[in-house]
């Protein structure tokens, strides 16, 4: 079946050349990146090498710093932790502290990819992580995978939600490749959440748009 243009896809036909991307096309919008338990971070206090170090966040989400003791880093951005450290150091220990915090590696900002993919597992989230990229990270679908049975499970403000996607439709540009976020669960193939969409699938086997359902409210 040939590709056709849609509201989200422009098909270049004939002798036309595919145009080069512009500057904005080459960068991804920043997403909130939060520090979590067992992440590794670097704290740099400018001009005070005794306070600068790389460390691992403990299982409770805290780090330990000389002079100021423990700092709760869980659920905060690197910039927020840097400001908190600077506030605790200012005046009493360092006159005008300049603190930088960087996340070196993260085990908390991951998505889980399960089901009919070649390598199920946990994969780190980046600014450009989308459903198709996640499936590619898992080495693609298995030979017998059901392309119309891809569910993303996500908790939003205490509500457990599921969205049904069709990989074939995504590859054809029928709708946008959805972004993934930390703690998302991607299930490829049959699952209890997918069976919620049974009637929809029977009516429209090639989804023309994502289908989202509320599973439970906390």
N, C-alpha and C. Protein backbone atom coordinates (compact mmCIF):
# COMPACT_ATOMS: atom_id res chain seq x y z
N UNK A 1 0.85 -1.20 0.00
CA UNK A 1 0.00 0.00 0.00
C UNK A 1 0.89 1.25 0.00
N UNK A 2 0.69 2.16 -0.97
CA UNK A 2 1.56 3.34 -1.04
C UNK A 2 1.29 4.30 0.10
N UNK A 3 2.33 5.08 0.44
CA UNK A 3 2.14 6.12 1.44
C UNK A 3 1.30 7.25 0.87
N UNK A 4 0.48 7.84 1.73
CA UNK A 4 -0.32 9.00 1.33
C UNK A 4 -0.14 10.08 2.38
N UNK A 5 -0.29 11.32 1.96
CA UNK A 5 -0.17 12.43 2.89
C UNK A 5 -1.34 12.44 3.87
N UNK A 6 -1.03 12.80 5.12
CA UNK A 6 -2.04 12.93 6.17
C UNK A 6 -1.79 14.26 6.87
N UNK A 7 -2.65 14.66 7.81
CA UNK A 7 -2.39 15.91 8.55
C UNK A 7 -1.05 15.93 9.28
N UNK A 8 -0.48 14.76 9.58
CA UNK A 8 0.79 14.70 10.30
C UNK A 8 1.94 14.20 9.44
N UNK A 9 1.68 13.94 8.16
CA UNK A 9 2.71 13.39 7.28
C UNK A 9 2.56 13.98 5.89
N UNK A 10 3.67 14.51 5.35
CA UNK A 10 3.70 15.01 3.98
C UNK A 10 4.54 14.06 3.14
N UNK A 11 3.95 13.48 2.12
CA UNK A 11 4.65 12.54 1.26
C UNK A 11 5.25 13.31 0.08
N UNK A 12 6.56 13.15 -0.11
CA UNK A 12 7.25 13.80 -1.23
C UNK A 12 7.18 12.86 -2.42
N UNK A 13 6.63 13.35 -3.52
CA UNK A 13 6.39 12.49 -4.67
C UNK A 13 7.25 12.88 -5.85
N UNK A 14 7.33 11.97 -6.82
CA UNK A 14 8.01 12.26 -8.08
C UNK A 14 9.48 12.54 -7.91
N UNK A 15 9.95 13.57 -8.58
CA UNK A 15 11.37 13.91 -8.58
C UNK A 15 11.75 14.84 -7.44
N UNK A 16 10.79 15.20 -6.59
CA UNK A 16 11.08 16.13 -5.51
C UNK A 16 12.07 15.52 -4.53
N UNK A 17 13.00 16.35 -4.07
CA UNK A 17 13.97 15.90 -3.08
C UNK A 17 13.43 16.12 -1.68
N UNK A 18 13.75 15.22 -0.78
CA UNK A 18 13.35 15.40 0.60
C UNK A 18 14.13 16.57 1.18
N UNK A 19 13.46 17.63 1.64
CA UNK A 19 14.19 18.82 2.11
C UNK A 19 14.99 18.53 3.36
N UNK A 20 16.05 19.33 3.56
CA UNK A 20 16.88 19.19 4.75
C UNK A 20 16.14 19.76 5.96
N UNK A 21 16.39 19.23 7.15
CA UNK A 21 15.75 19.77 8.35
C UNK A 21 16.29 21.15 8.69
N UNK A 22 15.47 21.96 9.34
CA UNK A 22 15.92 23.25 9.84
C UNK A 22 16.49 23.06 11.24
N UNK A 23 17.07 24.10 11.81
CA UNK A 23 17.76 23.99 13.10
C UNK A 23 16.86 23.41 14.19
N UNK A 24 15.61 23.88 14.27
CA UNK A 24 14.72 23.40 15.33
C UNK A 24 14.39 21.92 15.20
N UNK A 25 14.47 21.40 13.97
CA UNK A 25 14.18 19.98 13.77
C UNK A 25 15.27 19.07 14.33
N UNK A 26 16.45 19.64 14.57
CA UNK A 26 17.59 18.83 14.99
C UNK A 26 17.74 18.75 16.50
N UNK A 27 16.88 19.40 17.23
CA UNK A 27 16.94 19.38 18.69
C UNK A 27 15.59 18.96 19.25
N UNK A 28 15.64 18.33 20.41
CA UNK A 28 14.41 17.93 21.09
C UNK A 28 14.14 18.88 22.23
N UNK A 29 12.88 19.15 22.48
CA UNK A 29 12.51 20.02 23.59
C UNK A 29 12.92 19.37 24.90
N UNK A 30 13.39 20.21 25.84
CA UNK A 30 13.80 19.68 27.14
C UNK A 30 12.61 19.08 27.87
N UNK A 31 12.86 17.97 28.52
CA UNK A 31 11.88 17.37 29.41
C UNK A 31 12.41 17.41 30.83
N UNK A 32 11.51 17.43 31.78
CA UNK A 32 11.91 17.46 33.18
C UNK A 32 12.65 16.17 33.52
N UNK A 33 13.87 16.31 34.03
CA UNK A 33 14.67 15.16 34.44
C UNK A 33 14.87 15.24 35.94
N UNK A 34 14.34 14.28 36.66
CA UNK A 34 14.37 14.30 38.11
C UNK A 34 15.37 13.29 38.66
N UNK A 35 15.94 13.62 39.80
CA UNK A 35 16.88 12.74 40.47
C UNK A 35 16.11 11.73 41.31
N UNK A 36 16.56 10.49 41.27
CA UNK A 36 15.89 9.44 42.04
C UNK A 36 16.89 8.57 42.78
N UNK A 37 16.40 7.65 43.59
CA UNK A 37 17.27 6.75 44.34
C UNK A 37 18.23 6.00 43.43
N UNK A 38 19.49 5.90 43.90
CA UNK A 38 20.57 5.15 43.25
C UNK A 38 21.09 5.79 41.97
N UNK A 39 20.61 6.99 41.63
CA UNK A 39 21.21 7.74 40.53
C UNK A 39 22.61 8.20 40.95
N UNK A 40 23.47 8.44 39.98
CA UNK A 40 24.81 8.97 40.26
C UNK A 40 24.87 10.42 39.80
N UNK A 41 25.28 11.31 40.69
CA UNK A 41 25.35 12.73 40.37
C UNK A 41 26.73 13.28 40.70
N UNK A 42 27.06 14.41 40.08
CA UNK A 42 28.29 15.13 40.39
C UNK A 42 27.92 16.49 40.96
N UNK A 43 28.50 16.81 42.11
CA UNK A 43 28.31 18.11 42.74
C UNK A 43 29.62 18.87 42.63
N UNK A 44 29.58 20.05 42.04
CA UNK A 44 30.78 20.87 41.87
C UNK A 44 30.55 22.21 42.56
N UNK A 45 31.35 22.48 43.59
CA UNK A 45 31.31 23.78 44.28
C UNK A 45 32.53 24.55 43.79
N UNK A 46 32.29 25.57 42.99
CA UNK A 46 33.38 26.30 42.33
C UNK A 46 34.37 26.85 43.35
N UNK A 47 35.64 26.52 43.15
CA UNK A 47 36.70 27.04 44.01
C UNK A 47 36.85 26.31 45.32
N UNK A 48 36.03 25.27 45.55
CA UNK A 48 36.14 24.51 46.81
C UNK A 48 36.22 23.03 46.46
N UNK A 49 37.38 22.56 46.03
CA UNK A 49 37.50 21.17 45.60
C UNK A 49 37.17 20.16 46.70
N UNK A 50 37.34 20.56 47.97
CA UNK A 50 37.04 19.65 49.06
C UNK A 50 35.56 19.28 49.12
N UNK A 51 34.71 20.11 48.55
CA UNK A 51 33.27 19.86 48.56
C UNK A 51 32.75 19.29 47.24
N UNK A 52 33.61 19.27 46.24
CA UNK A 52 33.19 18.79 44.92
C UNK A 52 33.44 17.30 44.82
N UNK A 53 32.43 16.57 44.35
CA UNK A 53 32.57 15.11 44.31
C UNK A 53 31.46 14.48 43.48
N UNK A 54 31.72 13.23 43.08
CA UNK A 54 30.68 12.41 42.47
C UNK A 54 30.14 11.48 43.54
N UNK A 55 28.83 11.27 43.55
CA UNK A 55 28.24 10.44 44.59
C UNK A 55 26.98 9.76 44.08
N UNK A 56 26.60 8.72 44.77
CA UNK A 56 25.37 8.02 44.44
C UNK A 56 24.29 8.40 45.42
N UNK A 57 23.11 8.68 44.91
CA UNK A 57 21.96 8.96 45.76
C UNK A 57 21.58 7.66 46.48
N UNK A 58 21.30 7.75 47.79
CA UNK A 58 21.01 6.52 48.51
C UNK A 58 19.58 6.05 48.22
N UNK A 59 19.23 4.90 48.77
CA UNK A 59 17.94 4.28 48.46
C UNK A 59 16.75 5.11 48.91
N UNK A 60 16.97 6.04 49.83
CA UNK A 60 15.88 6.91 50.30
C UNK A 60 15.83 8.23 49.54
N UNK A 61 16.75 8.42 48.58
CA UNK A 61 16.73 9.63 47.77
C UNK A 61 17.56 10.76 48.33
N UNK A 62 18.47 10.47 49.27
CA UNK A 62 19.28 11.52 49.90
C UNK A 62 20.75 11.40 49.51
N UNK A 63 21.44 12.53 49.62
CA UNK A 63 22.89 12.55 49.46
C UNK A 63 23.49 13.15 50.72
N UNK A 64 24.76 12.86 50.95
CA UNK A 64 25.45 13.37 52.13
C UNK A 64 26.59 14.26 51.69
N UNK A 65 26.60 15.50 52.22
CA UNK A 65 27.62 16.48 51.87
C UNK A 65 28.40 16.89 53.11
N UNK A 66 29.72 17.10 52.96
CA UNK A 66 30.48 17.64 54.10
C UNK A 66 29.90 18.98 54.56
N UNK A 67 30.01 19.24 55.84
CA UNK A 67 29.58 20.48 56.48
C UNK A 67 28.06 20.59 56.65
N UNK A 68 27.30 20.27 55.61
CA UNK A 68 25.86 20.51 55.68
C UNK A 68 25.05 19.25 55.93
N UNK A 69 25.67 18.08 55.88
CA UNK A 69 24.96 16.84 56.17
C UNK A 69 24.14 16.33 55.00
N UNK A 70 22.98 15.74 55.30
CA UNK A 70 22.17 15.11 54.25
C UNK A 70 21.27 16.13 53.55
N UNK A 71 21.08 15.89 52.25
CA UNK A 71 20.21 16.73 51.42
C UNK A 71 19.25 15.80 50.70
N UNK A 72 17.96 16.10 50.77
CA UNK A 72 16.96 15.29 50.08
C UNK A 72 16.94 15.67 48.60
N UNK A 73 17.37 14.73 47.74
CA UNK A 73 17.44 15.02 46.31
C UNK A 73 16.31 14.37 45.52
N UNK A 74 15.59 13.48 46.12
CA UNK A 74 14.59 12.70 45.40
C UNK A 74 13.49 13.58 44.81
N UNK A 75 13.21 13.36 43.54
CA UNK A 75 12.13 14.09 42.88
C UNK A 75 12.45 15.53 42.55
N UNK A 76 13.73 15.91 42.65
CA UNK A 76 14.14 17.28 42.34
C UNK A 76 15.02 17.28 41.10
N UNK A 77 15.05 18.42 40.42
CA UNK A 77 15.96 18.57 39.29
C UNK A 77 17.36 18.84 39.80
N UNK A 78 18.34 18.69 38.92
CA UNK A 78 19.72 18.99 39.29
C UNK A 78 19.87 20.44 39.73
N UNK A 79 19.19 21.35 39.03
CA UNK A 79 19.27 22.77 39.38
C UNK A 79 18.68 23.04 40.76
N UNK A 80 17.58 22.36 41.10
CA UNK A 80 16.96 22.56 42.42
C UNK A 80 17.87 22.06 43.54
N UNK A 81 18.53 20.93 43.33
CA UNK A 81 19.46 20.43 44.34
C UNK A 81 20.66 21.36 44.47
N UNK A 82 21.15 21.89 43.35
CA UNK A 82 22.27 22.82 43.40
C UNK A 82 21.91 24.07 44.21
N UNK A 83 20.70 24.59 43.99
CA UNK A 83 20.28 25.77 44.75
C UNK A 83 20.17 25.47 46.24
N UNK A 84 19.67 24.27 46.59
CA UNK A 84 19.53 23.92 48.00
C UNK A 84 20.90 23.79 48.67
N UNK A 85 21.85 23.16 47.98
CA UNK A 85 23.20 23.04 48.53
C UNK A 85 23.82 24.42 48.71
N UNK A 86 23.66 25.29 47.72
CA UNK A 86 24.21 26.64 47.81
C UNK A 86 23.61 27.40 48.99
N UNK A 87 22.31 27.25 49.20
CA UNK A 87 21.65 27.93 50.32
C UNK A 87 22.21 27.46 51.66
N UNK A 88 22.42 26.16 51.80
CA UNK A 88 22.93 25.61 53.05
C UNK A 88 24.39 26.00 53.31
N UNK A 89 25.15 26.20 52.23
CA UNK A 89 26.56 26.58 52.37
C UNK A 89 26.75 28.07 52.58
N UNK A 90 25.83 28.87 52.05
CA UNK A 90 26.03 30.32 51.97
C UNK A 90 26.19 30.94 53.36
N UNK A 91 27.17 31.82 53.44
CA UNK A 91 27.36 32.60 54.66
C UNK A 91 28.15 31.86 55.71
N UNK A 92 27.61 30.78 56.21
CA UNK A 92 28.25 30.07 57.31
C UNK A 92 29.52 29.34 56.90
N UNK A 93 29.51 28.74 55.71
CA UNK A 93 30.65 27.94 55.28
C UNK A 93 31.35 28.52 54.05
N UNK A 94 30.59 29.00 53.08
CA UNK A 94 31.15 29.57 51.85
C UNK A 94 30.44 30.91 51.61
N UNK A 95 31.22 31.93 51.34
CA UNK A 95 30.64 33.27 51.26
C UNK A 95 29.61 33.38 50.14
N UNK A 96 30.01 33.10 48.92
CA UNK A 96 29.10 33.16 47.77
C UNK A 96 29.26 31.88 46.95
N UNK A 97 28.68 30.79 47.40
CA UNK A 97 28.90 29.51 46.72
C UNK A 97 28.26 29.45 45.34
N UNK A 98 29.03 28.92 44.40
CA UNK A 98 28.51 28.63 43.07
C UNK A 98 28.50 27.12 42.91
N UNK A 99 27.30 26.55 42.87
CA UNK A 99 27.15 25.10 42.89
C UNK A 99 26.51 24.62 41.59
N UNK A 100 27.10 23.58 41.03
CA UNK A 100 26.54 22.94 39.84
C UNK A 100 26.33 21.46 40.14
N UNK A 101 25.18 20.93 39.76
CA UNK A 101 24.89 19.52 39.93
C UNK A 101 24.55 18.93 38.56
N UNK A 102 25.14 17.81 38.23
CA UNK A 102 24.85 17.11 36.98
C UNK A 102 24.49 15.66 37.27
N UNK A 103 23.52 15.15 36.53
CA UNK A 103 23.16 13.74 36.63
C UNK A 103 24.08 12.96 35.68
N UNK A 104 24.93 12.12 36.25
CA UNK A 104 25.88 11.35 35.45
C UNK A 104 25.23 10.10 34.87
N UNK A 105 24.47 9.40 35.68
CA UNK A 105 23.75 8.22 35.21
C UNK A 105 22.50 8.06 36.06
N UNK A 106 21.47 7.54 35.43
CA UNK A 106 20.19 7.42 36.12
C UNK A 106 19.65 6.01 35.99
N UNK A 107 19.26 5.46 37.12
CA UNK A 107 18.55 4.18 37.11
C UNK A 107 17.09 4.38 37.47
N UNK A 108 16.72 5.60 37.81
CA UNK A 108 15.33 5.87 38.19
C UNK A 108 14.51 6.39 37.03
N UNK A 109 15.16 7.04 36.05
CA UNK A 109 14.45 7.60 34.91
C UNK A 109 14.46 6.59 33.76
N UNK A 110 13.62 5.56 33.88
CA UNK A 110 13.61 4.48 32.90
C UNK A 110 12.18 4.15 32.50
N UNK A 111 12.05 3.52 31.35
CA UNK A 111 10.78 2.94 30.93
C UNK A 111 10.96 1.42 30.88
N UNK A 112 9.87 0.71 31.09
CA UNK A 112 9.87 -0.74 31.01
C UNK A 112 9.22 -1.17 29.71
N UNK A 113 9.92 -1.99 28.93
CA UNK A 113 9.38 -2.50 27.67
C UNK A 113 9.23 -4.01 27.81
N UNK A 114 8.00 -4.48 27.67
CA UNK A 114 7.71 -5.88 27.93
C UNK A 114 6.89 -6.45 26.78
N UNK A 115 6.80 -7.77 26.74
CA UNK A 115 5.97 -8.42 25.73
C UNK A 115 6.76 -8.88 24.53
N UNK A 116 6.18 -8.72 23.35
CA UNK A 116 6.72 -9.31 22.13
C UNK A 116 7.76 -8.41 21.45
N UNK A 117 8.82 -8.13 22.20
CA UNK A 117 9.99 -7.46 21.65
C UNK A 117 11.18 -8.39 21.84
N UNK A 118 12.24 -8.15 21.07
CA UNK A 118 13.38 -9.07 21.10
C UNK A 118 14.08 -9.05 22.45
N UNK A 119 14.26 -7.85 23.03
CA UNK A 119 14.96 -7.73 24.31
C UNK A 119 14.13 -6.90 25.29
N UNK A 120 13.17 -7.50 25.98
CA UNK A 120 12.41 -6.78 27.01
C UNK A 120 13.37 -6.32 28.11
N UNK A 121 12.98 -5.24 28.79
CA UNK A 121 13.82 -4.77 29.90
C UNK A 121 13.56 -3.32 30.24
N UNK A 122 14.47 -2.77 31.04
CA UNK A 122 14.41 -1.37 31.45
C UNK A 122 15.34 -0.56 30.56
N UNK A 123 14.86 0.60 30.07
CA UNK A 123 15.64 1.42 29.18
C UNK A 123 15.61 2.88 29.66
N UNK A 124 16.78 3.55 29.65
CA UNK A 124 16.82 4.93 30.14
C UNK A 124 16.02 5.88 29.25
N UNK A 125 15.42 6.87 29.89
CA UNK A 125 14.63 7.87 29.17
C UNK A 125 15.53 9.03 28.77
N UNK A 126 15.42 9.44 27.52
CA UNK A 126 16.12 10.62 27.04
C UNK A 126 15.08 11.63 26.53
N UNK A 127 15.56 12.83 26.18
CA UNK A 127 14.64 13.84 25.65
C UNK A 127 13.93 13.37 24.39
N UNK A 128 14.56 12.47 23.64
CA UNK A 128 13.99 12.05 22.36
C UNK A 128 13.33 10.68 22.42
N UNK A 129 13.10 10.15 23.62
CA UNK A 129 12.50 8.82 23.73
C UNK A 129 11.04 8.86 23.30
N UNK A 130 10.70 8.03 22.30
CA UNK A 130 9.33 7.88 21.83
C UNK A 130 9.02 6.39 21.77
N UNK A 131 7.79 6.06 21.43
CA UNK A 131 7.41 4.65 21.37
C UNK A 131 8.23 3.89 20.34
N UNK A 132 8.36 4.43 19.13
CA UNK A 132 9.13 3.73 18.10
C UNK A 132 10.60 3.60 18.48
N UNK A 133 11.16 4.64 19.08
CA UNK A 133 12.55 4.57 19.51
C UNK A 133 12.73 3.54 20.61
N UNK A 134 11.75 3.46 21.51
CA UNK A 134 11.83 2.47 22.59
C UNK A 134 11.78 1.05 22.03
N UNK A 135 10.90 0.81 21.07
CA UNK A 135 10.82 -0.51 20.45
C UNK A 135 12.13 -0.83 19.74
N UNK A 136 12.72 0.16 19.09
CA UNK A 136 14.02 -0.06 18.42
C UNK A 136 15.11 -0.36 19.44
N UNK A 137 15.07 0.32 20.60
CA UNK A 137 16.05 0.04 21.66
C UNK A 137 15.96 -1.39 22.15
N UNK A 138 14.73 -1.93 22.12
CA UNK A 138 14.51 -3.32 22.54
C UNK A 138 14.75 -4.29 21.39
N UNK A 139 15.46 -3.84 20.36
CA UNK A 139 15.85 -4.66 19.20
C UNK A 139 14.66 -5.02 18.32
N UNK A 140 13.57 -4.23 18.42
CA UNK A 140 12.44 -4.42 17.53
C UNK A 140 11.45 -5.47 18.01
N UNK A 141 10.40 -5.65 17.20
CA UNK A 141 9.36 -6.61 17.53
C UNK A 141 9.82 -8.03 17.18
N UNK A 142 9.25 -9.00 17.89
CA UNK A 142 9.50 -10.38 17.53
C UNK A 142 8.78 -10.71 16.23
N UNK A 143 9.11 -11.84 15.65
CA UNK A 143 8.56 -12.21 14.34
C UNK A 143 7.04 -12.30 14.35
N UNK A 144 6.46 -12.76 15.43
CA UNK A 144 5.01 -12.95 15.49
C UNK A 144 4.31 -11.88 16.31
N UNK A 145 4.98 -10.77 16.56
CA UNK A 145 4.39 -9.71 17.39
C UNK A 145 3.16 -9.10 16.70
N UNK A 146 2.19 -8.72 17.51
CA UNK A 146 0.97 -8.08 17.01
C UNK A 146 1.17 -6.56 17.02
N UNK A 147 1.30 -5.99 15.84
CA UNK A 147 1.63 -4.58 15.73
C UNK A 147 0.50 -3.67 16.21
N UNK A 148 -0.74 -4.20 16.24
CA UNK A 148 -1.85 -3.36 16.69
C UNK A 148 -2.14 -3.54 18.17
N UNK A 149 -1.25 -4.24 18.88
CA UNK A 149 -1.44 -4.51 20.30
C UNK A 149 -0.33 -3.90 21.13
N UNK A 150 -0.17 -2.60 21.06
CA UNK A 150 0.87 -1.93 21.83
C UNK A 150 0.21 -0.95 22.79
N UNK A 151 0.41 -1.19 24.08
CA UNK A 151 -0.23 -0.38 25.12
C UNK A 151 0.85 0.33 25.93
N UNK A 152 0.64 1.63 26.16
CA UNK A 152 1.47 2.39 27.09
C UNK A 152 0.66 2.61 28.36
N UNK A 153 1.22 2.19 29.49
CA UNK A 153 0.59 2.40 30.80
C UNK A 153 1.33 3.53 31.50
N UNK A 154 0.56 4.47 32.07
CA UNK A 154 1.17 5.65 32.70
C UNK A 154 0.29 6.13 33.86
N UNK A 155 0.91 6.61 34.91
CA UNK A 155 0.18 7.23 36.01
C UNK A 155 0.30 8.74 35.88
N UNK A 156 -0.85 9.43 35.82
CA UNK A 156 -0.89 10.88 35.67
C UNK A 156 -1.71 11.45 36.81
N UNK A 157 -1.05 12.16 37.73
CA UNK A 157 -1.74 12.79 38.85
C UNK A 157 -2.60 11.79 39.63
N UNK A 158 -2.02 10.62 39.89
CA UNK A 158 -2.71 9.61 40.67
C UNK A 158 -3.67 8.73 39.89
N UNK A 159 -3.83 9.00 38.60
CA UNK A 159 -4.73 8.20 37.78
C UNK A 159 -3.93 7.25 36.89
N UNK A 160 -4.29 5.99 36.93
CA UNK A 160 -3.63 5.00 36.09
C UNK A 160 -4.32 4.98 34.75
N UNK A 161 -3.56 5.22 33.67
CA UNK A 161 -4.14 5.33 32.35
C UNK A 161 -3.43 4.40 31.38
N UNK A 162 -4.16 4.02 30.33
CA UNK A 162 -3.59 3.18 29.27
C UNK A 162 -3.94 3.78 27.93
N UNK A 163 -3.00 3.70 27.00
CA UNK A 163 -3.24 4.18 25.64
C UNK A 163 -2.84 3.07 24.66
N UNK A 164 -3.70 2.84 23.67
CA UNK A 164 -3.48 1.78 22.69
C UNK A 164 -2.93 2.38 21.39
N UNK A 165 -1.87 1.77 20.86
CA UNK A 165 -1.23 2.25 19.64
C UNK A 165 -1.04 1.10 18.65
N UNK A 166 -0.91 1.49 17.40
CA UNK A 166 -0.67 0.54 16.33
C UNK A 166 0.66 0.91 15.68
N UNK A 167 1.64 0.00 15.80
CA UNK A 167 2.98 0.29 15.28
C UNK A 167 2.96 0.53 13.77
N UNK A 168 2.16 -0.24 13.04
CA UNK A 168 2.10 -0.05 11.59
C UNK A 168 1.58 1.35 11.26
N UNK A 169 0.54 1.78 11.99
CA UNK A 169 0.00 3.12 11.75
C UNK A 169 1.04 4.19 12.06
N UNK A 170 1.81 4.00 13.14
CA UNK A 170 2.86 4.97 13.47
C UNK A 170 3.91 5.04 12.37
N UNK A 171 4.31 3.88 11.87
CA UNK A 171 5.34 3.85 10.84
C UNK A 171 4.87 4.48 9.54
N UNK A 172 3.58 4.47 9.32
CA UNK A 172 3.02 5.07 8.11
C UNK A 172 2.70 6.55 8.30
N UNK A 173 2.94 7.08 9.49
CA UNK A 173 2.69 8.49 9.75
C UNK A 173 1.23 8.84 9.93
N UNK A 174 0.40 7.84 10.29
CA UNK A 174 -1.03 8.12 10.50
C UNK A 174 -1.22 9.08 11.65
N UNK A 175 -0.42 8.94 12.68
CA UNK A 175 -0.42 9.90 13.79
C UNK A 175 0.98 9.98 14.38
N UNK A 176 1.17 10.94 15.28
CA UNK A 176 2.50 11.23 15.81
C UNK A 176 3.01 10.09 16.69
N UNK A 177 4.32 9.88 16.62
CA UNK A 177 4.99 8.92 17.49
C UNK A 177 4.96 9.47 18.91
N UNK A 178 4.30 8.81 19.87
CA UNK A 178 4.10 9.40 21.19
C UNK A 178 5.38 9.40 22.03
N UNK A 179 5.63 10.48 22.77
CA UNK A 179 6.79 10.51 23.66
C UNK A 179 6.57 9.58 24.86
N UNK A 180 7.67 9.07 25.39
CA UNK A 180 7.61 8.27 26.61
C UNK A 180 8.28 9.02 27.74
N UNK A 181 7.83 8.72 28.96
CA UNK A 181 8.35 9.38 30.15
C UNK A 181 8.75 8.34 31.19
N UNK A 182 9.53 8.79 32.18
CA UNK A 182 9.98 7.88 33.23
C UNK A 182 8.79 7.17 33.87
N UNK A 183 8.99 5.89 34.15
CA UNK A 183 8.00 5.01 34.80
C UNK A 183 6.91 4.53 33.87
N UNK A 184 6.95 4.89 32.58
CA UNK A 184 6.00 4.31 31.63
C UNK A 184 6.27 2.81 31.48
N UNK A 185 5.20 2.08 31.22
CA UNK A 185 5.30 0.65 30.91
C UNK A 185 4.73 0.43 29.52
N UNK A 186 5.53 -0.12 28.62
CA UNK A 186 5.10 -0.43 27.27
C UNK A 186 4.91 -1.94 27.16
N UNK A 187 3.73 -2.36 26.78
CA UNK A 187 3.44 -3.79 26.64
C UNK A 187 3.09 -4.06 25.18
N UNK A 188 3.88 -4.90 24.53
CA UNK A 188 3.64 -5.27 23.13
C UNK A 188 3.01 -6.65 23.12
N UNK A 189 1.80 -6.75 22.58
CA UNK A 189 1.11 -8.04 22.55
C UNK A 189 -0.02 -8.07 23.55
N UNK A 190 -0.63 -9.23 23.69
CA UNK A 190 -1.82 -9.37 24.51
C UNK A 190 -1.54 -9.07 25.97
N UNK A 191 -2.44 -8.34 26.61
CA UNK A 191 -2.33 -8.01 28.03
C UNK A 191 -3.71 -7.66 28.54
N UNK A 192 -3.95 -7.71 29.86
CA UNK A 192 -5.27 -7.31 30.38
C UNK A 192 -5.66 -5.91 29.96
N UNK A 193 -4.67 -4.99 29.90
CA UNK A 193 -4.99 -3.62 29.50
C UNK A 193 -5.40 -3.56 28.04
N UNK A 194 -4.73 -4.36 27.20
CA UNK A 194 -5.08 -4.36 25.78
C UNK A 194 -6.49 -4.89 25.58
N UNK A 195 -6.91 -5.86 26.38
CA UNK A 195 -8.23 -6.45 26.20
C UNK A 195 -9.34 -5.46 26.50
N UNK A 196 -9.02 -4.37 27.20
CA UNK A 196 -9.99 -3.29 27.39
C UNK A 196 -10.43 -2.70 26.06
N UNK A 197 -9.56 -2.79 25.05
CA UNK A 197 -9.80 -2.15 23.76
C UNK A 197 -10.35 -3.12 22.72
N UNK A 198 -10.83 -4.30 23.15
CA UNK A 198 -11.23 -5.34 22.20
C UNK A 198 -12.29 -4.84 21.21
N UNK A 199 -13.31 -4.17 21.71
CA UNK A 199 -14.38 -3.70 20.82
C UNK A 199 -13.87 -2.68 19.82
N UNK A 200 -12.98 -1.80 20.28
CA UNK A 200 -12.43 -0.78 19.39
C UNK A 200 -11.61 -1.44 18.29
N UNK A 201 -10.81 -2.43 18.67
CA UNK A 201 -9.97 -3.11 17.69
C UNK A 201 -10.80 -3.81 16.62
N UNK A 202 -11.90 -4.41 17.04
CA UNK A 202 -12.73 -5.13 16.07
C UNK A 202 -13.38 -4.16 15.09
N UNK A 203 -13.63 -2.92 15.52
CA UNK A 203 -14.26 -1.94 14.64
C UNK A 203 -13.24 -1.22 13.76
N UNK A 204 -12.02 -1.07 14.27
CA UNK A 204 -11.00 -0.31 13.53
C UNK A 204 -9.64 -0.95 13.75
N UNK A 205 -9.32 -2.00 13.02
CA UNK A 205 -8.06 -2.72 13.25
C UNK A 205 -6.82 -1.87 13.02
N UNK A 206 -6.87 -0.91 12.11
CA UNK A 206 -5.75 0.02 11.95
C UNK A 206 -6.16 1.34 12.58
N UNK A 207 -5.69 1.59 13.79
CA UNK A 207 -6.14 2.77 14.52
C UNK A 207 -5.74 4.04 13.79
N UNK A 208 -6.70 4.93 13.63
CA UNK A 208 -6.42 6.21 13.00
C UNK A 208 -5.97 7.25 14.01
N UNK A 209 -6.04 6.93 15.28
CA UNK A 209 -5.60 7.82 16.35
C UNK A 209 -5.39 6.99 17.61
N UNK A 210 -4.56 7.45 18.53
CA UNK A 210 -4.40 6.72 19.80
C UNK A 210 -5.73 6.65 20.54
N UNK A 211 -5.91 5.59 21.32
CA UNK A 211 -7.09 5.44 22.15
C UNK A 211 -6.64 5.38 23.59
N UNK A 212 -7.17 6.26 24.44
CA UNK A 212 -6.75 6.37 25.82
C UNK A 212 -7.90 6.01 26.75
N UNK A 213 -7.59 5.25 27.78
CA UNK A 213 -8.62 4.85 28.74
C UNK A 213 -8.09 5.03 30.16
N UNK A 214 -8.99 5.40 31.07
CA UNK A 214 -8.65 5.51 32.49
C UNK A 214 -8.85 4.15 33.13
N UNK A 215 -7.81 3.59 33.73
CA UNK A 215 -7.91 2.28 34.36
C UNK A 215 -8.41 2.39 35.79
N UNK A 216 -7.77 3.25 36.59
CA UNK A 216 -8.19 3.41 37.96
C UNK A 216 -7.78 4.78 38.46
N UNK A 217 -8.46 5.23 39.49
CA UNK A 217 -8.16 6.52 40.12
C UNK A 217 -7.75 6.23 41.56
N UNK A 218 -6.59 6.75 41.93
CA UNK A 218 -6.11 6.54 43.31
C UNK A 218 -6.85 7.45 44.29
